[in-house]
Amino acid sequence: MKPHTKLIPSLLVALAGLAAAPAFAQLELAQKKNCLACHAVDKKVLGPAYKDVAAKYAGQKDAVDKLAAKVMKGGSGVWGNIPMPANPQVSEAEAKQLVQWILSLK
């Protein structure tokens, strides 16, 4: 076996880890900002599942700005009677980062 062929599996594992790193970082940010008290990635808690949010807003060009504002200021009436409270501990940059991650979920 040539020496470089032994590197290929290791490189593939490393690349897979790098690809998953941003998703893990966003999940960690969601935990840190208490988003997961009311939301989960794949099931409704008090608020909708993030995958449901991604499906609802798929293809909408203004979705990131619209949803980032809701993360920071709160909202109501879109997903039922329970309002989403404002989250003042989330900056605009963090809100956009979280929303971009949410919208990437399938």
N, C-alpha and C. Protein backbone atom coordinates (compact mmCIF):
# COMPACT_ATOMS: atom_id res chain seq x y z
N MET A 1 0.86 -1.17 0.00
CA MET A 1 0.00 0.00 0.00
C MET A 1 0.90 1.23 0.00
N LYS A 2 0.59 2.18 -0.83
CA LYS A 2 1.36 3.41 -0.89
C LYS A 2 1.07 4.25 0.35
N PRO A 3 2.06 5.00 0.84
CA PRO A 3 1.87 5.79 2.07
C PRO A 3 0.72 6.78 1.99
N HIS A 4 0.51 7.39 0.83
CA HIS A 4 -0.55 8.40 0.75
C HIS A 4 -1.95 7.79 0.79
N THR A 5 -2.09 6.51 0.46
CA THR A 5 -3.42 5.89 0.51
C THR A 5 -3.88 5.68 1.94
N LYS A 6 -2.94 5.63 2.89
CA LYS A 6 -3.32 5.52 4.29
C LYS A 6 -3.87 6.84 4.82
N LEU A 7 -3.50 7.94 4.19
CA LEU A 7 -3.96 9.25 4.63
C LEU A 7 -5.40 9.53 4.22
N ILE A 8 -5.84 8.95 3.14
CA ILE A 8 -7.15 9.27 2.59
C ILE A 8 -8.27 9.02 3.61
N PRO A 9 -8.36 7.86 4.26
CA PRO A 9 -9.43 7.68 5.25
C PRO A 9 -9.35 8.68 6.39
N SER A 10 -8.14 8.99 6.85
CA SER A 10 -7.99 9.97 7.93
C SER A 10 -8.45 11.35 7.49
N LEU A 11 -8.12 11.72 6.26
CA LEU A 11 -8.55 13.02 5.75
C LEU A 11 -10.06 13.09 5.61
N LEU A 12 -10.67 12.00 5.17
CA LEU A 12 -12.13 11.99 5.04
C LEU A 12 -12.81 12.15 6.40
N VAL A 13 -12.30 11.50 7.41
CA VAL A 13 -12.85 11.63 8.76
C VAL A 13 -12.68 13.07 9.26
N ALA A 14 -11.51 13.64 9.02
CA ALA A 14 -11.26 15.02 9.45
C ALA A 14 -12.19 16.00 8.73
N LEU A 15 -12.38 15.81 7.44
CA LEU A 15 -13.27 16.68 6.68
C LEU A 15 -14.72 16.55 7.15
N ALA A 16 -15.14 15.35 7.46
CA ALA A 16 -16.50 15.16 7.97
C ALA A 16 -16.68 15.88 9.30
N GLY A 17 -15.67 15.83 10.13
CA GLY A 17 -15.72 16.55 11.41
C GLY A 17 -15.81 18.04 11.22
N LEU A 18 -15.06 18.56 10.26
CA LEU A 18 -15.12 20.00 9.99
C LEU A 18 -16.48 20.41 9.45
N ALA A 19 -17.07 19.59 8.64
CA ALA A 19 -18.39 19.91 8.09
C ALA A 19 -19.45 19.94 9.19
N ALA A 20 -19.31 19.09 10.19
CA ALA A 20 -20.29 19.05 11.28
C ALA A 20 -20.03 20.13 12.33
N ALA A 21 -18.84 20.67 12.37
CA ALA A 21 -18.48 21.65 13.40
C ALA A 21 -19.40 22.86 13.43
N PRO A 22 -19.71 23.50 12.29
CA PRO A 22 -20.61 24.66 12.36
C PRO A 22 -21.99 24.30 12.91
N ALA A 23 -22.53 23.16 12.54
CA ALA A 23 -23.83 22.76 13.06
C ALA A 23 -23.78 22.57 14.56
N PHE A 24 -22.71 21.95 15.05
CA PHE A 24 -22.57 21.76 16.49
C PHE A 24 -22.42 23.10 17.20
N ALA A 25 -21.67 24.02 16.58
CA ALA A 25 -21.48 25.34 17.19
C ALA A 25 -22.80 26.07 17.31
N GLN A 26 -23.67 25.95 16.30
CA GLN A 26 -24.96 26.63 16.35
C GLN A 26 -25.87 25.99 17.38
N LEU A 27 -25.84 24.69 17.49
CA LEU A 27 -26.62 24.01 18.52
C LEU A 27 -26.14 24.45 19.91
N GLU A 28 -24.84 24.58 20.05
CA GLU A 28 -24.27 25.04 21.32
C GLU A 28 -24.71 26.47 21.63
N LEU A 29 -24.75 27.33 20.62
CA LEU A 29 -25.21 28.70 20.80
C LEU A 29 -26.69 28.71 21.19
N ALA A 30 -27.49 27.87 20.56
CA ALA A 30 -28.91 27.79 20.90
C ALA A 30 -29.10 27.35 22.35
N GLN A 31 -28.26 26.44 22.81
CA GLN A 31 -28.32 26.00 24.22
C GLN A 31 -27.92 27.16 25.13
N LYS A 32 -26.85 27.83 24.79
CA LYS A 32 -26.32 28.92 25.62
C LYS A 32 -27.33 30.06 25.75
N LYS A 33 -28.10 30.32 24.70
CA LYS A 33 -29.05 31.44 24.70
C LYS A 33 -30.45 31.00 25.12
N ASN A 34 -30.59 29.80 25.66
CA ASN A 34 -31.85 29.27 26.20
C ASN A 34 -32.93 29.02 25.15
N CYS A 35 -32.56 28.93 23.89
CA CYS A 35 -33.54 28.66 22.84
C CYS A 35 -34.16 27.27 22.99
N LEU A 36 -33.36 26.33 23.51
CA LEU A 36 -33.82 24.94 23.59
C LEU A 36 -34.74 24.70 24.78
N ALA A 37 -35.01 25.75 25.55
CA ALA A 37 -36.02 25.62 26.60
C ALA A 37 -37.41 25.48 25.97
N CYS A 38 -37.58 26.06 24.79
CA CYS A 38 -38.89 26.04 24.12
C CYS A 38 -38.88 25.37 22.75
N HIS A 39 -37.70 25.09 22.21
CA HIS A 39 -37.59 24.51 20.86
C HIS A 39 -36.68 23.30 20.88
N ALA A 40 -36.85 22.42 19.90
CA ALA A 40 -35.96 21.30 19.64
C ALA A 40 -35.77 21.24 18.12
N VAL A 41 -34.76 20.54 17.70
CA VAL A 41 -34.47 20.46 16.27
C VAL A 41 -35.59 19.72 15.53
N ASP A 42 -36.04 18.59 16.07
CA ASP A 42 -36.93 17.74 15.30
C ASP A 42 -38.30 17.44 15.94
N LYS A 43 -38.63 18.17 17.02
CA LYS A 43 -39.97 17.96 17.60
C LYS A 43 -40.45 19.25 18.25
N LYS A 44 -41.76 19.41 18.28
CA LYS A 44 -42.37 20.57 18.92
C LYS A 44 -42.20 20.44 20.43
N VAL A 45 -41.82 21.54 21.05
CA VAL A 45 -41.78 21.60 22.51
C VAL A 45 -42.88 22.60 22.87
N LEU A 46 -42.55 23.80 23.31
CA LEU A 46 -43.55 24.87 23.42
C LEU A 46 -43.67 25.58 22.08
N GLY A 47 -42.52 25.77 21.46
CA GLY A 47 -42.47 26.37 20.13
C GLY A 47 -42.27 25.29 19.09
N PRO A 48 -42.31 25.67 17.83
CA PRO A 48 -42.19 24.68 16.76
C PRO A 48 -40.79 24.06 16.69
N ALA A 49 -40.72 22.88 16.10
CA ALA A 49 -39.44 22.25 15.83
C ALA A 49 -38.68 23.10 14.82
N TYR A 50 -37.38 23.19 14.98
CA TYR A 50 -36.59 23.98 14.04
C TYR A 50 -36.72 23.48 12.61
N LYS A 51 -36.86 22.16 12.42
CA LYS A 51 -37.04 21.63 11.07
C LYS A 51 -38.36 22.11 10.47
N ASP A 52 -39.39 22.29 11.28
CA ASP A 52 -40.66 22.82 10.79
C ASP A 52 -40.52 24.29 10.40
N VAL A 53 -39.75 25.03 11.17
CA VAL A 53 -39.49 26.44 10.84
C VAL A 53 -38.75 26.51 9.51
N ALA A 54 -37.74 25.66 9.35
CA ALA A 54 -36.97 25.63 8.09
C ALA A 54 -37.88 25.33 6.91
N ALA A 55 -38.79 24.39 7.07
CA ALA A 55 -39.70 24.03 5.97
C ALA A 55 -40.65 25.18 5.66
N LYS A 56 -41.18 25.82 6.68
CA LYS A 56 -42.15 26.90 6.48
C LYS A 56 -41.54 28.10 5.75
N TYR A 57 -40.27 28.40 6.08
CA TYR A 57 -39.64 29.60 5.53
C TYR A 57 -38.68 29.29 4.38
N ALA A 58 -38.66 28.07 3.90
CA ALA A 58 -37.77 27.68 2.80
C ALA A 58 -38.02 28.56 1.58
N GLY A 59 -36.95 29.08 1.03
CA GLY A 59 -37.04 29.87 -0.19
C GLY A 59 -37.46 31.31 -0.01
N GLN A 60 -37.80 31.73 1.20
CA GLN A 60 -38.19 33.12 1.42
C GLN A 60 -36.94 33.97 1.61
N LYS A 61 -36.75 34.92 0.73
CA LYS A 61 -35.52 35.72 0.73
C LYS A 61 -35.36 36.57 1.99
N ASP A 62 -36.45 37.00 2.58
CA ASP A 62 -36.36 37.86 3.77
C ASP A 62 -36.45 37.08 5.08
N ALA A 63 -36.39 35.76 5.01
CA ALA A 63 -36.60 34.92 6.19
C ALA A 63 -35.56 35.18 7.28
N VAL A 64 -34.30 35.33 6.92
CA VAL A 64 -33.26 35.51 7.95
C VAL A 64 -33.53 36.79 8.74
N ASP A 65 -33.77 37.89 8.05
CA ASP A 65 -34.01 39.15 8.75
C ASP A 65 -35.30 39.10 9.57
N LYS A 66 -36.35 38.54 8.98
CA LYS A 66 -37.65 38.46 9.66
C LYS A 66 -37.55 37.61 10.92
N LEU A 67 -36.94 36.45 10.81
CA LEU A 67 -36.86 35.54 11.95
C LEU A 67 -35.85 36.02 12.99
N ALA A 68 -34.76 36.65 12.56
CA ALA A 68 -33.80 37.19 13.53
C ALA A 68 -34.46 38.25 14.39
N ALA A 69 -35.31 39.07 13.79
CA ALA A 69 -36.04 40.08 14.56
C ALA A 69 -36.95 39.42 15.59
N LYS A 70 -37.59 38.30 15.19
CA LYS A 70 -38.47 37.60 16.14
C LYS A 70 -37.67 36.97 17.28
N VAL A 71 -36.48 36.49 16.98
CA VAL A 71 -35.65 35.92 18.04
C VAL A 71 -35.34 36.99 19.08
N MET A 72 -35.02 38.17 18.62
CA MET A 72 -34.63 39.24 19.55
C MET A 72 -35.83 39.91 20.22
N LYS A 73 -36.91 40.14 19.46
CA LYS A 73 -38.05 40.94 19.96
C LYS A 73 -39.26 40.11 20.36
N GLY A 74 -39.28 38.84 19.96
CA GLY A 74 -40.44 38.00 20.24
C GLY A 74 -41.47 38.08 19.12
N GLY A 75 -42.53 37.32 19.27
CA GLY A 75 -43.57 37.31 18.25
C GLY A 75 -44.73 36.45 18.72
N SER A 76 -45.82 36.49 17.95
CA SER A 76 -46.98 35.67 18.31
C SER A 76 -47.87 35.46 17.10
N GLY A 77 -48.70 34.43 17.21
CA GLY A 77 -49.73 34.18 16.22
C GLY A 77 -49.34 33.35 15.02
N VAL A 78 -48.07 33.09 14.80
CA VAL A 78 -47.66 32.34 13.63
C VAL A 78 -47.76 30.83 13.85
N TRP A 79 -47.43 30.39 15.06
CA TRP A 79 -47.39 28.96 15.36
C TRP A 79 -48.42 28.56 16.42
N GLY A 80 -49.37 29.40 16.70
CA GLY A 80 -50.37 29.07 17.70
C GLY A 80 -50.53 30.19 18.71
N ASN A 81 -51.13 29.87 19.84
CA ASN A 81 -51.48 30.88 20.84
C ASN A 81 -50.35 31.24 21.81
N ILE A 82 -49.33 30.42 21.90
CA ILE A 82 -48.25 30.69 22.85
C ILE A 82 -47.28 31.68 22.21
N PRO A 83 -47.13 32.87 22.78
CA PRO A 83 -46.20 33.84 22.20
C PRO A 83 -44.75 33.47 22.47
N MET A 84 -43.90 33.87 21.55
CA MET A 84 -42.46 33.70 21.76
C MET A 84 -41.96 34.96 22.43
N PRO A 85 -41.38 34.84 23.62
CA PRO A 85 -40.89 36.03 24.31
C PRO A 85 -39.62 36.58 23.65
N ALA A 86 -39.38 37.85 23.87
CA ALA A 86 -38.14 38.47 23.39
C ALA A 86 -36.96 37.81 24.09
N ASN A 87 -35.84 37.77 23.41
CA ASN A 87 -34.62 37.23 24.01
C ASN A 87 -33.53 38.30 23.93
N PRO A 88 -33.49 39.21 24.91
CA PRO A 88 -32.55 40.32 24.87
C PRO A 88 -31.08 39.92 25.01
N GLN A 89 -30.82 38.68 25.39
CA GLN A 89 -29.43 38.25 25.52
C GLN A 89 -28.83 37.78 24.19
N VAL A 90 -29.62 37.82 23.12
CA VAL A 90 -29.15 37.43 21.79
C VAL A 90 -28.88 38.70 20.98
N SER A 91 -27.65 38.84 20.50
CA SER A 91 -27.32 39.99 19.66
C SER A 91 -27.89 39.77 18.26
N GLU A 92 -27.90 40.83 17.46
CA GLU A 92 -28.40 40.70 16.08
C GLU A 92 -27.55 39.70 15.30
N ALA A 93 -26.24 39.76 15.46
CA ALA A 93 -25.35 38.83 14.75
C ALA A 93 -25.62 37.39 15.17
N GLU A 94 -25.81 37.17 16.48
CA GLU A 94 -26.11 35.82 16.96
C GLU A 94 -27.47 35.35 16.46
N ALA A 95 -28.46 36.24 16.46
CA ALA A 95 -29.79 35.87 15.97
C ALA A 95 -29.72 35.44 14.51
N LYS A 96 -29.00 36.18 13.70
CA LYS A 96 -28.87 35.82 12.27
C LYS A 96 -28.12 34.50 12.11
N GLN A 97 -27.11 34.29 12.93
CA GLN A 97 -26.35 33.04 12.90
C GLN A 97 -27.26 31.86 13.26
N LEU A 98 -28.05 32.02 14.30
CA LEU A 98 -28.97 30.96 14.70
C LEU A 98 -30.01 30.69 13.62
N VAL A 99 -30.58 31.75 13.07
CA VAL A 99 -31.62 31.59 12.05
C VAL A 99 -31.05 30.93 10.79
N GLN A 100 -29.87 31.31 10.38
CA GLN A 100 -29.25 30.66 9.21
C GLN A 100 -29.06 29.18 9.46
N TRP A 101 -28.66 28.83 10.66
CA TRP A 101 -28.52 27.41 11.00
C TRP A 101 -29.87 26.72 10.97
N ILE A 102 -30.87 27.33 11.59
CA ILE A 102 -32.21 26.74 11.62
C ILE A 102 -32.73 26.51 10.21
N LEU A 103 -32.57 27.50 9.35
CA LEU A 103 -33.07 27.39 7.98
C LEU A 103 -32.30 26.35 7.16
N SER A 104 -31.11 25.97 7.62
CA SER A 104 -30.33 24.96 6.91
C SER A 104 -30.76 23.54 7.25
N LEU A 105 -31.57 23.40 8.30
CA LEU A 105 -31.99 22.06 8.73
C LEU A 105 -33.01 21.49 7.77
N LYS A 106 -32.92 20.21 7.54
CA LYS A 106 -33.85 19.54 6.63
C LYS A 106 -34.61 18.46 7.37
